[in-house]
C-alpha atoms as a PDB file:
ATOM      1  CA  UNK A   1     -20.271   0.035  -5.727  1.00  0.00           C
ATOM      2  CA  UNK A   2     -19.850  -3.903  -5.152  1.00  0.00           C
ATOM      3  CA  UNK A   3     -17.694  -4.706  -8.065  1.00  0.00           C
ATOM      4  CA  UNK A   4     -17.340  -8.978  -7.452  1.00  0.00           C
ATOM      5  CA  UNK A   5     -21.887  -8.809  -8.192  1.00  0.00           C
ATOM      6  CA  UNK A   6     -21.701  -6.672 -11.190  1.00  0.00           C
ATOM      7  CA  UNK A   7     -18.783  -8.688 -13.244  1.00  0.00           C
ATOM      8  CA  UNK A   8     -21.417 -11.457 -14.174  1.00  0.00           C
ATOM      9  CA  UNK A   9     -23.937  -8.615 -15.115  1.00  0.00           C
ATOM     10  CA  UNK A  10     -21.330  -6.915 -17.551  1.00  0.00           C
ATOM     11  CA  UNK A  11     -20.953  -7.543 -21.031  1.00  0.00           C
ATOM     12  CA  UNK A  12     -17.450  -8.851 -22.173  1.00  0.00           C
ATOM     13  CA  UNK A  13     -17.330  -6.516 -24.834  1.00  0.00           C
ATOM     14  CA  UNK A  14     -18.515  -3.591 -23.103  1.00  0.00           C
ATOM     15  CA  UNK A  15     -15.900  -0.688 -23.363  1.00  0.00           C
ATOM     16  CA  UNK A  16     -14.996   0.121 -19.639  1.00  0.00           C
ATOM     17  CA  UNK A  17     -12.813   3.266 -18.199  1.00  0.00           C
ATOM     18  CA  UNK A  18      -9.027   1.385 -17.263  1.00  0.00           C
ATOM     19  CA  UNK A  19      -9.969   1.993 -13.255  1.00  0.00           C
ATOM     20  CA  UNK A  20     -12.886   0.312 -13.659  1.00  0.00           C
ATOM     21  CA  UNK A  21     -12.062  -2.769 -15.457  1.00  0.00           C
ATOM     22  CA  UNK A  22      -9.247  -2.856 -13.737  1.00  0.00           C
ATOM     23  CA  UNK A  23     -11.404  -3.256 -10.721  1.00  0.00           C
ATOM     24  CA  UNK A  24     -13.887  -5.360 -11.994  1.00  0.00           C
ATOM     25  CA  UNK A  25     -10.664  -8.296 -13.476  1.00  0.00           C
ATOM     26  CA  UNK A  26      -8.555  -7.917 -10.536  1.00  0.00           C
ATOM     27  CA  UNK A  27     -10.926  -7.874  -7.833  1.00  0.00           C
ATOM     28  CA  UNK A  28      -7.979  -8.417  -5.055  1.00  0.00           C
ATOM     29  CA  UNK A  29      -7.023  -5.189  -6.092  1.00  0.00           C
ATOM     30  CA  UNK A  30      -3.723  -6.604  -7.318  1.00  0.00           C
ATOM     31  CA  UNK A  31      -3.953  -4.211 -10.948  1.00  0.00           C
ATOM     32  CA  UNK A  32      -4.821  -0.571 -11.290  1.00  0.00           C
ATOM     33  CA  UNK A  33      -5.468   2.205 -14.346  1.00  0.00           C
ATOM     34  CA  UNK A  34      -1.897   2.710 -14.510  1.00  0.00           C
ATOM     35  CA  UNK A  35      -0.927  -1.048 -14.754  1.00  0.00           C
ATOM     36  CA  UNK A  36      -3.790  -1.351 -17.349  1.00  0.00           C
ATOM     37  CA  UNK A  37      -2.013   1.658 -19.253  1.00  0.00           C
ATOM     38  CA  UNK A  38       1.679   0.174 -18.863  1.00  0.00           C
ATOM     39  CA  UNK A  39       0.104  -2.909 -20.628  1.00  0.00           C
ATOM     40  CA  UNK A  40      -1.059  -0.818 -22.806  1.00  0.00           C
ATOM     41  CA  UNK A  41       2.515   1.007 -23.972  1.00  0.00           C
ATOM     42  CA  UNK A  42       3.777  -2.511 -24.083  1.00  0.00           C
ATOM     43  CA  UNK A  43       0.950  -3.656 -26.912  1.00  0.00           C
ATOM     44  CA  UNK A  44      -0.309  -6.246 -24.945  1.00  0.00           C
ATOM     45  CA  UNK A  45      -3.734  -5.002 -24.016  1.00  0.00           C
ATOM     46  CA  UNK A  46      -6.062  -3.794 -26.794  1.00  0.00           C
ATOM     47  CA  UNK A  47      -7.807  -0.668 -26.228  1.00  0.00           C
ATOM     48  CA  UNK A  48     -10.302   1.660 -27.359  1.00  0.00           C
ATOM     49  CA  UNK A  49      -9.786   5.665 -27.639  1.00  0.00           C
ATOM     50  CA  UNK A  50     -12.974   7.194 -27.675  1.00  0.00           C
ATOM     51  CA  UNK A  51     -13.474  11.256 -27.600  1.00  0.00           C
ATOM     52  CA  UNK A  52     -10.155  11.007 -25.868  1.00  0.00           C
ATOM     53  CA  UNK A  53     -10.883   8.509 -23.343  1.00  0.00           C
ATOM     54  CA  UNK A  54      -8.996   5.630 -23.220  1.00  0.00           C
ATOM     55  CA  UNK A  55     -11.554   2.358 -22.992  1.00  0.00           C
ATOM     56  CA  UNK A  56     -10.974  -1.612 -22.514  1.00  0.00           C
ATOM     57  CA  UNK A  57     -13.314  -4.472 -22.580  1.00  0.00           C
ATOM     58  CA  UNK A  58     -13.060  -7.945 -20.086  1.00  0.00           C
ATOM     59  CA  UNK A  59     -12.749 -10.343 -23.445  1.00  0.00           C
ATOM     60  CA  UNK A  60      -9.415  -7.655 -24.129  1.00  0.00           C
ATOM     61  CA  UNK A  61      -8.083  -8.620 -20.572  1.00  0.00           C
ATOM     62  CA  UNK A  62      -9.280 -12.308 -20.753  1.00  0.00           C
ATOM     63  CA  UNK A  63      -7.004 -12.178 -23.934  1.00  0.00           C
ATOM     64  CA  UNK A  64      -4.356 -10.523 -22.319  1.00  0.00           C
ATOM     65  CA  UNK A  65      -4.112 -12.500 -18.932  1.00  0.00           C
ATOM     66  CA  UNK A  66      -3.828 -15.748 -21.958  1.00  0.00           C
ATOM     67  CA  UNK A  67      -0.860 -14.141 -23.738  1.00  0.00           C
ATOM     68  CA  UNK A  68       0.779 -13.792 -20.470  1.00  0.00           C
ATOM     69  CA  UNK A  69       0.195 -17.110 -19.137  1.00  0.00           C
ATOM     70  CA  UNK A  70       3.144 -18.767 -18.274  1.00  0.00           C
ATOM     71  CA  UNK A  71       3.040 -22.565 -18.212  1.00  0.00           C
ATOM     72  CA  UNK A  72       4.429 -24.429 -15.440  1.00  0.00           C
ATOM     73  CA  UNK A  73       3.163 -27.605 -16.717  1.00  0.00           C
ATOM     74  CA  UNK A  74       6.426 -28.270 -18.976  1.00  0.00           C
ATOM     75  CA  UNK A  75      10.182 -28.994 -18.038  1.00  0.00           C
ATOM     76  CA  UNK A  76      11.749 -26.764 -15.190  1.00  0.00           C
ATOM     77  CA  UNK A  77      14.265 -25.771 -16.952  1.00  0.00           C
ATOM     78  CA  UNK A  78      13.473 -24.109 -20.051  1.00  0.00           C
ATOM     79  CA  UNK A  79      15.838 -22.228 -22.461  1.00  0.00           C
ATOM     80  CA  UNK A  80      14.168 -22.168 -25.868  1.00  0.00           C
ATOM     81  CA  UNK A  81      11.842 -18.388 -24.960  1.00  0.00           C
ATOM     82  CA  UNK A  82       8.761 -20.197 -25.902  1.00  0.00           C
ATOM     83  CA  UNK A  83       7.180 -17.356 -27.705  1.00  0.00           C
ATOM     84  CA  UNK A  84       9.260 -17.171 -30.387  1.00  0.00           C
ATOM     85  CA  UNK A  85      11.618 -19.711 -30.240  1.00  0.00           C
ATOM     86  CA  UNK A  86      14.180 -17.348 -29.965  1.00  0.00           C
ATOM     87  CA  UNK A  87      17.610 -19.593 -28.088  1.00  0.00           C
ATOM     88  CA  UNK A  88      18.573 -18.199 -24.227  1.00  0.00           C
ATOM     89  CA  UNK A  89      21.490 -19.413 -22.217  1.00  0.00           C
ATOM     90  CA  UNK A  90      24.195 -21.792 -22.342  1.00  0.00           C
ATOM     91  CA  UNK A  91      22.629 -24.652 -22.814  1.00  0.00           C
ATOM     92  CA  UNK A  92      20.365 -23.146 -26.194  1.00  0.00           C
ATOM     93  CA  UNK A  93      23.608 -22.153 -26.952  1.00  0.00           C
ATOM     94  CA  UNK A  94      24.929 -25.619 -27.236  1.00  0.00           C
ATOM     95  CA  UNK A  95      22.165 -27.488 -28.644  1.00  0.00           C
ATOM     96  CA  UNK A  96      22.479 -24.873 -31.799  1.00  0.00           C
ATOM     97  CA  UNK A  97      26.239 -25.054 -31.723  1.00  0.00           C
ATOM     98  CA  UNK A  98      25.907 -28.884 -31.659  1.00  0.00           C
ATOM     99  CA  UNK A  99      23.249 -28.314 -34.788  1.00  0.00           C
ATOM    100  CA  UNK A 100      25.536 -26.380 -36.796  1.00  0.00           C
ATOM    101  CA  UNK A 101      28.271 -29.062 -36.501  1.00  0.00           C
ATOM    102  CA  UNK A 102      26.097 -31.777 -38.071  1.00  0.00           C
ATOM    103  CA  UNK A 103      24.784 -29.630 -40.930  1.00  0.00           C
ATOM    104  CA  UNK A 104      28.104 -28.490 -41.135  1.00  0.00           C
ATOM    105  CA  UNK A 105      29.231 -32.096 -41.251  1.00  0.00           C
ATOM    106  CA  UNK A 106      26.654 -33.294 -43.250  1.00  0.00           C
ATOM    107  CA  UNK A 107      27.315 -30.041 -46.327  1.00  0.00           C
ATOM    108  CA  UNK A 108      31.129 -31.340 -45.918  1.00  0.00           C
ATOM    109  CA  UNK A 109      30.062 -34.717 -46.994  1.00  0.00           C
ATOM    110  CA  UNK A 110      27.629 -33.913 -50.196  1.00  0.00           C
ATOM    111  CA  UNK A 111      30.039 -31.342 -51.656  1.00  0.00           C
ATOM    112  CA  UNK A 112      33.270 -34.192 -51.157  1.00  0.00           C
ATOM    113  CA  UNK A 113      31.039 -37.162 -52.791  1.00  0.00           C
ATOM    114  CA  UNK A 114      29.768 -34.594 -55.253  1.00  0.00           C
ATOM    115  CA  UNK A 115      31.721 -34.855 -59.061  1.00  0.00           C
ATOM    116  CA  UNK A 116      33.176 -32.303 -60.803  1.00  0.00           C
ATOM    117  CA  UNK A 117      30.614 -30.853 -63.153  1.00  0.00           C
ATOM    118  CA  UNK A 118      32.941 -28.208 -64.647  1.00  0.00           C
ATOM    119  CA  UNK A 119      34.975 -28.635 -68.298  1.00  0.00           C
ATOM    120  CA  UNK A 120      38.450 -28.968 -67.661  1.00  0.00           C
ATOM    121  CA  UNK A 121      39.666 -26.416 -69.484  1.00  0.00           C
ATOM    122  CA  UNK A 122      37.857 -24.445 -66.545  1.00  0.00           C
ATOM    123  CA  UNK A 123      39.790 -23.691 -63.725  1.00  0.00           C
ATOM    124  CA  UNK A 124      38.182 -24.808 -60.296  1.00  0.00           C
ATOM    125  CA  UNK A 125      39.379 -20.941 -59.310  1.00  0.00           C
ATOM    126  CA  UNK A 126      36.260 -19.156 -61.345  1.00  0.00           C
ATOM    127  CA  UNK A 127      39.035 -18.879 -63.759  1.00  0.00           C
ATOM    128  CA  UNK A 128      39.151 -20.128 -67.303  1.00  0.00           C
ATOM    129  CA  UNK A 129      42.834 -21.741 -68.537  1.00  0.00           C
ATOM    130  CA  UNK A 130      44.169 -21.301 -71.831  1.00  0.00           C
ATOM    131  CA  UNK A 131      45.550 -23.577 -73.548  1.00  0.00           C
ATOM    132  CA  UNK A 132      48.474 -23.121 -75.444  1.00  0.00           C
ATOM    133  CA  UNK A 133      49.955 -26.349 -78.077  1.00  0.00           C
END
């Protein structure tokens, strides 16, 4: 069976066994049934289980490829994880520390400039003062 010729005739939503889906979606043979199973286990590839058999679609594979695609058009070196926005690496840690320092400085300035709102009979440490005559 000539897979490249069949690719244009297969509906993108048609359920395909993993081996056939791998052969159609990756005609160079770089992805196998086992590779698609690993992607399912990792939660990256949607699938259907019908009568105990595992199926996927070419559209599911297309979505998986879109999610797996790395954008190399931006900065050559990035320390933030593009998906989750999480920071990693020494440069990101420095940025985070700098942001924390800036926030701490602003907070201290606000605390210093705020007026005391507690009455004088209240101890600033949380206890009430007892006044005697």
